[in-house]
Amino acid sequence: MSDTETGGPAFPVKEQRDVLVNGIREGSDGLTIRDYFAAAALTGIAMNDSEPRDWGVVAYKLADQMLAARAALKLAKGE
């Protein structure tokens, strides 16, 4: 997925992402904003839904809706 679809890294730390070992870039961008939103949504879902279902699917659908709302707000502000 692209940064447009994921919101980019949630907690970017350049020093951790750009470590070179023997000329090879190592490290990770870690969680995306989409992952972070899904984790937050999953917490709420799990606390309020006593019957496990496809919580992960629902959490990512909510995360996608939050990213869409975030993009719409940025567009409205002219960012």
PDB file of N, CA and C in Angstrom:
ATOM      1  N   MET A   1       0.843  -1.187   0.000  1.00  0.00           N
ATOM      2  CA  MET A   1       0.000   0.000   0.000  1.00  0.00           C
ATOM      3  C   MET A   1       0.881   1.241   0.000  1.00  0.00           C
ATOM      4  N   SER A   2       0.389   2.282  -0.583  1.00  0.00           N
ATOM      5  CA  SER A   2       1.133   3.532  -0.635  1.00  0.00           C
ATOM      6  C   SER A   2       0.877   4.369   0.614  1.00  0.00           C
ATOM      7  N   ASP A   3       1.694   5.414   0.779  1.00  0.00           N
ATOM      8  CA  ASP A   3       1.485   6.332   1.908  1.00  0.00           C
ATOM      9  C   ASP A   3       0.109   6.977   1.836  1.00  0.00           C
ATOM     10  N   THR A   4      -0.409   7.159   0.615  1.00  0.00           N
ATOM     11  CA  THR A   4      -1.745   7.745   0.463  1.00  0.00           C
ATOM     12  C   THR A   4      -2.788   6.833   1.077  1.00  0.00           C
ATOM     13  N   GLU A   5      -2.620   5.526   0.905  1.00  0.00           N
ATOM     14  CA  GLU A   5      -3.588   4.563   1.423  1.00  0.00           C
ATOM     15  C   GLU A   5      -3.385   4.260   2.903  1.00  0.00           C
ATOM     16  N   THR A   6      -2.153   4.412   3.385  1.00  0.00           N
ATOM     17  CA  THR A   6      -1.863   4.041   4.771  1.00  0.00           C
ATOM     18  C   THR A   6      -1.684   5.241   5.685  1.00  0.00           C
ATOM     19  N   GLY A   7      -1.552   6.419   5.119  1.00  0.00           N
ATOM     20  CA  GLY A   7      -1.284   7.608   5.917  1.00  0.00           C
ATOM     21  C   GLY A   7       0.190   7.805   6.206  1.00  0.00           C
ATOM     22  N   GLY A   8       1.026   6.873   5.749  1.00  0.00           N
ATOM     23  CA  GLY A   8       2.464   6.953   6.018  1.00  0.00           C
ATOM     24  C   GLY A   8       2.792   6.386   7.381  1.00  0.00           C
ATOM     25  N   PRO A   9       4.053   6.509   7.803  1.00  0.00           N
ATOM     26  CA  PRO A   9       4.451   5.967   9.091  1.00  0.00           C
ATOM     27  C   PRO A   9       3.800   6.723  10.251  1.00  0.00           C
ATOM     28  N   ALA A  10       3.397   5.990  11.269  1.00  0.00           N
ATOM     29  CA  ALA A  10       2.749   6.605  12.427  1.00  0.00           C
ATOM     30  C   ALA A  10       3.762   7.317  13.317  1.00  0.00           C
ATOM     31  N   PHE A  11       4.910   6.714  13.507  1.00  0.00           N
ATOM     32  CA  PHE A  11       5.919   7.269  14.403  1.00  0.00           C
ATOM     33  C   PHE A  11       7.286   7.218  13.727  1.00  0.00           C
ATOM     34  N   PRO A  12       7.481   8.015  12.677  1.00  0.00           N
ATOM     35  CA  PRO A  12       8.742   7.926  11.945  1.00  0.00           C
ATOM     36  C   PRO A  12       9.922   8.413  12.781  1.00  0.00           C
ATOM     37  N   VAL A  13      10.983   7.651  12.735  1.00  0.00           N
ATOM     38  CA  VAL A  13      12.231   8.033  13.384  1.00  0.00           C
ATOM     39  C   VAL A  13      13.314   7.798  12.348  1.00  0.00           C
ATOM     40  N   LYS A  14      13.734   8.869  11.703  1.00  0.00           N
ATOM     41  CA  LYS A  14      14.663   8.758  10.588  1.00  0.00           C
ATOM     42  C   LYS A  14      15.893   7.939  10.942  1.00  0.00           C
ATOM     43  N   GLU A  15      16.447   8.145  12.113  1.00  0.00           N
ATOM     44  CA  GLU A  15      17.664   7.446  12.485  1.00  0.00           C
ATOM     45  C   GLU A  15      17.468   5.933  12.485  1.00  0.00           C
ATOM     46  N   GLN A  16      16.292   5.453  12.842  1.00  0.00           N
ATOM     47  CA  GLN A  16      16.037   4.012  12.868  1.00  0.00           C
ATOM     48  C   GLN A  16      15.769   3.462  11.482  1.00  0.00           C
ATOM     49  N   ARG A  17      15.184   4.265  10.595  1.00  0.00           N
ATOM     50  CA  ARG A  17      14.823   3.776   9.272  1.00  0.00           C
ATOM     51  C   ARG A  17      16.020   3.712   8.340  1.00  0.00           C
ATOM     52  N   ASP A  18      16.990   4.572   8.525  1.00  0.00           N
ATOM     53  CA  ASP A  18      18.060   4.701   7.553  1.00  0.00           C
ATOM     54  C   ASP A  18      19.391   4.117   8.015  1.00  0.00           C
ATOM     55  N   VAL A  19      19.331   3.070   8.798  1.00  0.00           N
ATOM     56  CA  VAL A  19      20.558   2.418   9.254  1.00  0.00           C
ATOM     57  C   VAL A  19      21.093   1.570   8.107  1.00  0.00           C
ATOM     58  N   LEU A  20      22.350   1.774   7.753  1.00  0.00           N
ATOM     59  CA  LEU A  20      22.981   0.976   6.707  1.00  0.00           C
ATOM     60  C   LEU A  20      23.902  -0.045   7.343  1.00  0.00           C
ATOM     61  N   VAL A  21      23.733  -1.293   6.954  1.00  0.00           N
ATOM     62  CA  VAL A  21      24.599  -2.365   7.421  1.00  0.00           C
ATOM     63  C   VAL A  21      25.204  -3.001   6.176  1.00  0.00           C
ATOM     64  N   ASN A  22      26.513  -2.905   6.042  1.00  0.00           N
ATOM     65  CA  ASN A  22      27.198  -3.412   4.856  1.00  0.00           C
ATOM     66  C   ASN A  22      26.597  -2.864   3.571  1.00  0.00           C
ATOM     67  N   GLY A  23      26.227  -1.592   3.599  1.00  0.00           N
ATOM     68  CA  GLY A  23      25.689  -0.945   2.410  1.00  0.00           C
ATOM     69  C   GLY A  23      24.239  -1.262   2.123  1.00  0.00           C
ATOM     70  N   ILE A  24      23.579  -2.027   2.995  1.00  0.00           N
ATOM     71  CA  ILE A  24      22.177  -2.405   2.792  1.00  0.00           C
ATOM     72  C   ILE A  24      21.323  -1.677   3.814  1.00  0.00           C
ATOM     73  N   ARG A  25      20.278  -1.022   3.331  1.00  0.00           N
ATOM     74  CA  ARG A  25      19.376  -0.294   4.234  1.00  0.00           C
ATOM     75  C   ARG A  25      18.608  -1.298   5.074  1.00  0.00           C
ATOM     76  N   GLU A  26      18.661  -1.118   6.374  1.00  0.00           N
ATOM     77  CA  GLU A  26      17.905  -1.967   7.277  1.00  0.00           C
ATOM     78  C   GLU A  26      17.030  -1.103   8.157  1.00  0.00           C
ATOM     79  N   GLY A  27      16.132  -1.722   8.806  1.00  0.00           N
ATOM     80  CA  GLY A  27      15.225  -1.000   9.679  1.00  0.00           C
ATOM     81  C   GLY A  27      13.820  -1.056   9.108  1.00  0.00           C
ATOM     82  N   SER A  28      12.937  -0.393   9.765  1.00  0.00           N
ATOM     83  CA  SER A  28      11.541  -0.446   9.388  1.00  0.00           C
ATOM     84  C   SER A  28      10.891   0.888   9.676  1.00  0.00           C
ATOM     85  N   ASP A  29       9.899   1.213   8.867  1.00  0.00           N
ATOM     86  CA  ASP A  29       9.111   2.402   9.154  1.00  0.00           C
ATOM     87  C   ASP A  29       8.134   2.129  10.285  1.00  0.00           C
ATOM     88  N   GLY A  30       7.986   0.877  10.687  1.00  0.00           N
ATOM     89  CA  GLY A  30       7.090   0.524  11.780  1.00  0.00           C
ATOM     90  C   GLY A  30       5.631   0.591  11.377  1.00  0.00           C
ATOM     91  N   LEU A  31       4.797   0.920  12.317  1.00  0.00           N
ATOM     92  CA  LEU A  31       3.362   1.009  12.069  1.00  0.00           C
ATOM     93  C   LEU A  31       3.045   2.135  11.100  1.00  0.00           C
ATOM     94  N   THR A  32       2.034   1.897  10.284  1.00  0.00           N
ATOM     95  CA  THR A  32       1.493   2.987   9.490  1.00  0.00           C
ATOM     96  C   THR A  32       0.404   3.665  10.309  1.00  0.00           C
ATOM     97  N   ILE A  33      -0.006   4.825   9.860  1.00  0.00           N
ATOM     98  CA  ILE A  33      -1.111   5.500  10.541  1.00  0.00           C
ATOM     99  C   ILE A  33      -2.360   4.629  10.456  1.00  0.00           C
ATOM    100  N   ARG A  34      -2.529   3.932   9.328  1.00  0.00           N
ATOM    101  CA  ARG A  34      -3.675   3.029   9.173  1.00  0.00           C
ATOM    102  C   ARG A  34      -3.639   1.941  10.245  1.00  0.00           C
ATOM    103  N   ASP A  35      -2.456   1.336  10.466  1.00  0.00           N
ATOM    104  CA  ASP A  35      -2.312   0.318  11.513  1.00  0.00           C
ATOM    105  C   ASP A  35      -2.637   0.891  12.885  1.00  0.00           C
ATOM    106  N   TYR A  36      -2.154   2.093  13.144  1.00  0.00           N
ATOM    107  CA  TYR A  36      -2.383   2.738  14.436  1.00  0.00           C
ATOM    108  C   TYR A  36      -3.877   2.993  14.653  1.00  0.00           C
ATOM    109  N   PHE A  37      -4.542   3.529  13.619  1.00  0.00           N
ATOM    110  CA  PHE A  37      -5.988   3.760  13.712  1.00  0.00           C
ATOM    111  C   PHE A  37      -6.729   2.444  13.939  1.00  0.00           C
ATOM    112  N   ALA A  38      -6.320   1.390  13.222  1.00  0.00           N
ATOM    113  CA  ALA A  38      -6.987   0.090  13.376  1.00  0.00           C
ATOM    114  C   ALA A  38      -6.805  -0.450  14.788  1.00  0.00           C
ATOM    115  N   ALA A  39      -5.609  -0.298  15.339  1.00  0.00           N
ATOM    116  CA  ALA A  39      -5.359  -0.773  16.711  1.00  0.00           C
ATOM    117  C   ALA A  39      -6.232  -0.020  17.705  1.00  0.00           C
ATOM    118  N   ALA A  40      -6.363   1.287  17.504  1.00  0.00           N
ATOM    119  CA  ALA A  40      -7.207   2.078  18.398  1.00  0.00           C
ATOM    120  C   ALA A  40      -8.663   1.657  18.266  1.00  0.00           C
ATOM    121  N   ALA A  41      -9.107   1.450  17.032  1.00  0.00           N
ATOM    122  CA  ALA A  41     -10.490   1.016  16.804  1.00  0.00           C
ATOM    123  C   ALA A  41     -10.728  -0.358  17.425  1.00  0.00           C
ATOM    124  N   LEU A  42      -9.747  -1.250  17.267  1.00  0.00           N
ATOM    125  CA  LEU A  42      -9.886  -2.603  17.801  1.00  0.00           C
ATOM    126  C   LEU A  42     -10.048  -2.589  19.312  1.00  0.00           C
ATOM    127  N   THR A  43      -9.362  -1.694  19.985  1.00  0.00           N
ATOM    128  CA  THR A  43      -9.499  -1.573  21.439  1.00  0.00           C
ATOM    129  C   THR A  43     -10.943  -1.253  21.812  1.00  0.00           C
ATOM    130  N   GLY A  44     -11.523  -0.285  21.115  1.00  0.00           N
ATOM    131  CA  GLY A  44     -12.912   0.077  21.384  1.00  0.00           C
ATOM    132  C   GLY A  44     -13.884  -1.034  21.050  1.00  0.00           C
ATOM    133  N   ILE A  45     -13.638  -1.695  19.923  1.00  0.00           N
ATOM    134  CA  ILE A  45     -14.520  -2.791  19.506  1.00  0.00           C
ATOM    135  C   ILE A  45     -14.478  -3.914  20.540  1.00  0.00           C
ATOM    136  N   ALA A  46     -13.282  -4.304  20.939  1.00  0.00           N
ATOM    137  CA  ALA A  46     -13.129  -5.413  21.883  1.00  0.00           C
ATOM    138  C   ALA A  46     -13.744  -5.089  23.244  1.00  0.00           C
ATOM    139  N   MET A  47     -13.705  -3.836  23.637  1.00  0.00           N
ATOM    140  CA  MET A  47     -14.264  -3.439  24.933  1.00  0.00           C
ATOM    141  C   MET A  47     -15.787  -3.392  24.911  1.00  0.00           C
ATOM    142  N   ASN A  48     -16.360  -3.245  23.726  1.00  0.00           N
ATOM    143  CA  ASN A  48     -17.804  -3.042  23.635  1.00  0.00           C
ATOM    144  C   ASN A  48     -18.561  -4.136  22.900  1.00  0.00           C
ATOM    145  N   ASP A  49     -17.878  -5.160  22.450  1.00  0.00           N
ATOM    146  CA  ASP A  49     -18.533  -6.238  21.711  1.00  0.00           C
ATOM    147  C   ASP A  49     -18.151  -7.547  22.387  1.00  0.00           C
ATOM    148  N   SER A  50     -19.095  -8.180  23.025  1.00  0.00           N
ATOM    149  CA  SER A  50     -18.792  -9.374  23.808  1.00  0.00           C
ATOM    150  C   SER A  50     -18.647 -10.631  22.957  1.00  0.00           C
ATOM    151  N   GLU A  51     -19.050 -10.578  21.690  1.00  0.00           N
ATOM    152  CA  GLU A  51     -18.972 -11.765  20.834  1.00  0.00           C
ATOM    153  C   GLU A  51     -17.948 -11.553  19.729  1.00  0.00           C
ATOM    154  N   PRO A  52     -16.798 -12.236  19.825  1.00  0.00           N
ATOM    155  CA  PRO A  52     -15.768 -12.058  18.799  1.00  0.00           C
ATOM    156  C   PRO A  52     -16.303 -12.390  17.401  1.00  0.00           C
ATOM    157  N   ARG A  53     -16.002 -11.507  16.479  1.00  0.00           N
ATOM    158  CA  ARG A  53     -16.354 -11.718  15.074  1.00  0.00           C
ATOM    159  C   ARG A  53     -15.110 -11.413  14.269  1.00  0.00           C
ATOM    160  N   ASP A  54     -15.290 -10.778  13.170  1.00  0.00           N
ATOM    161  CA  ASP A  54     -14.159 -10.362  12.346  1.00  0.00           C
ATOM    162  C   ASP A  54     -13.688  -8.983  12.817  1.00  0.00           C
ATOM    163  N   TRP A  55     -13.254  -8.920  14.067  1.00  0.00           N
ATOM    164  CA  TRP A  55     -12.869  -7.640  14.653  1.00  0.00           C
ATOM    165  C   TRP A  55     -11.770  -6.959  13.851  1.00  0.00           C
ATOM    166  N   GLY A  56     -10.802  -7.707  13.382  1.00  0.00           N
ATOM    167  CA  GLY A  56      -9.702  -7.128  12.621  1.00  0.00           C
ATOM    168  C   GLY A  56     -10.182  -6.467  11.339  1.00  0.00           C
ATOM    169  N   VAL A  57     -11.082  -7.142  10.646  1.00  0.00           N
ATOM    170  CA  VAL A  57     -11.642  -6.589   9.408  1.00  0.00           C
ATOM    171  C   VAL A  57     -12.399  -5.301   9.706  1.00  0.00           C
ATOM    172  N   VAL A  58     -13.210  -5.330  10.733  1.00  0.00           N
ATOM    173  CA  VAL A  58     -13.982  -4.145  11.121  1.00  0.00           C
ATOM    174  C   VAL A  58     -13.039  -3.014  11.528  1.00  0.00           C
ATOM    175  N   ALA A  59     -11.988  -3.337  12.279  1.00  0.00           N
ATOM    176  CA  ALA A  59     -11.038  -2.320  12.732  1.00  0.00           C
ATOM    177  C   ALA A  59     -10.368  -1.637  11.543  1.00  0.00           C
ATOM    178  N   TYR A  60      -9.966  -2.409  10.535  1.00  0.00           N
ATOM    179  CA  TYR A  60      -9.321  -1.804   9.364  1.00  0.00           C
ATOM    180  C   TYR A  60     -10.318  -1.024   8.509  1.00  0.00           C
ATOM    181  N   LYS A  61     -11.562  -1.449   8.469  1.00  0.00           N
ATOM    182  CA  LYS A  61     -12.577  -0.662   7.757  1.00  0.00           C
ATOM    183  C   LYS A  61     -12.766   0.689   8.448  1.00  0.00           C
ATOM    184  N   LEU A  62     -12.792   0.675   9.775  1.00  0.00           N
ATOM    185  CA  LEU A  62     -12.889   1.933  10.524  1.00  0.00           C
ATOM    186  C   LEU A  62     -11.645   2.788  10.309  1.00  0.00           C
ATOM    187  N   ALA A  63     -10.479   2.158  10.287  1.00  0.00           N
ATOM    188  CA  ALA A  63      -9.238   2.891  10.044  1.00  0.00           C
ATOM    189  C   ALA A  63      -9.273   3.559   8.673  1.00  0.00           C
ATOM    190  N   ASP A  64      -9.778   2.846   7.667  1.00  0.00           N
ATOM    191  CA  ASP A  64      -9.882   3.416   6.322  1.00  0.00           C
ATOM    192  C   ASP A  64     -10.843   4.608   6.317  1.00  0.00           C
ATOM    193  N   GLN A  65     -11.915   4.508   7.074  1.00  0.00           N
ATOM    194  CA  GLN A  65     -12.855   5.630   7.170  1.00  0.00           C
ATOM    195  C   GLN A  65     -12.204   6.819   7.871  1.00  0.00           C
ATOM    196  N   MET A  66     -11.381   6.543   8.898  1.00  0.00           N
ATOM    197  CA  MET A  66     -10.684   7.630   9.594  1.00  0.00           C
ATOM    198  C   MET A  66      -9.673   8.296   8.666  1.00  0.00           C
ATOM    199  N   LEU A  67      -8.966   7.510   7.851  1.00  0.00           N
ATOM    200  CA  LEU A  67      -8.023   8.088   6.890  1.00  0.00           C
ATOM    201  C   LEU A  67      -8.749   8.947   5.864  1.00  0.00           C
ATOM    202  N   ALA A  68      -9.918   8.489   5.409  1.00  0.00           N
ATOM    203  CA  ALA A  68     -10.699   9.264   4.441  1.00  0.00           C
ATOM    204  C   ALA A  68     -11.160  10.588   5.066  1.00  0.00           C
ATOM    205  N   ALA A  69     -11.598  10.532   6.318  1.00  0.00           N
ATOM    206  CA  ALA A  69     -12.024  11.758   7.010  1.00  0.00           C
ATOM    207  C   ALA A  69     -10.840  12.691   7.201  1.00  0.00           C
ATOM    208  N   ARG A  70      -9.693  12.133   7.535  1.00  0.00           N
ATOM    209  CA  ARG A  70      -8.474  12.926   7.709  1.00  0.00           C
ATOM    210  C   ARG A  70      -8.099  13.630   6.400  1.00  0.00           C
ATOM    211  N   ALA A  71      -8.168  12.884   5.294  1.00  0.00           N
ATOM    212  CA  ALA A  71      -7.853  13.467   3.981  1.00  0.00           C
ATOM    213  C   ALA A  71      -8.842  14.564   3.619  1.00  0.00           C
ATOM    214  N   ALA A  72     -10.118  14.344   3.913  1.00  0.00           N
ATOM    215  CA  ALA A  72     -11.147  15.339   3.605  1.00  0.00           C
ATOM    216  C   ALA A  72     -10.925  16.625   4.411  1.00  0.00           C
ATOM    217  N   LEU A  73     -10.548  16.472   5.670  1.00  0.00           N
ATOM    218  CA  LEU A  73     -10.284  17.657   6.507  1.00  0.00           C
ATOM    219  C   LEU A  73      -9.061  18.422   5.994  1.00  0.00           C
ATOM    220  N   LYS A  74      -8.018  17.684   5.591  1.00  0.00           N
ATOM    221  CA  LYS A  74      -6.843  18.343   5.044  1.00  0.00           C
ATOM    222  C   LYS A  74      -7.193  19.094   3.760  1.00  0.00           C
ATOM    223  N   LEU A  75      -8.024  18.475   2.922  1.00  0.00           N
ATOM    224  CA  LEU A  75      -8.443  19.095   1.667  1.00  0.00           C
ATOM    225  C   LEU A  75      -9.247  20.353   1.951  1.00  0.00           C
ATOM    226  N   ALA A  76     -10.144  20.270   2.939  1.00  0.00           N
ATOM    227  CA  ALA A  76     -10.977  21.424   3.290  1.00  0.00           C
ATOM    228  C   ALA A  76     -10.127  22.574   3.829  1.00  0.00           C
ATOM    229  N   LYS A  77      -9.033  22.240   4.503  1.00  0.00           N
ATOM    230  CA  LYS A  77      -8.148  23.277   5.041  1.00  0.00           C
ATOM    231  C   LYS A  77      -7.151  23.780   4.000  1.00  0.00           C
ATOM    232  N   GLY A  78      -7.142  23.135   2.823  1.00  0.00           N
ATOM    233  CA  GLY A  78      -6.223  23.527   1.768  1.00  0.00           C
ATOM    234  C   GLY A  78      -4.815  23.023   1.945  1.00  0.00           C
ATOM    235  N   GLU A  79      -4.662  21.954   2.688  1.00  0.00           N
ATOM    236  CA  GLU A  79      -3.327  21.376   2.922  1.00  0.00           C
ATOM    237  C   GLU A  79      -2.960  20.430   1.808  1.00  0.00           C
TER     238      GLU A  79
END
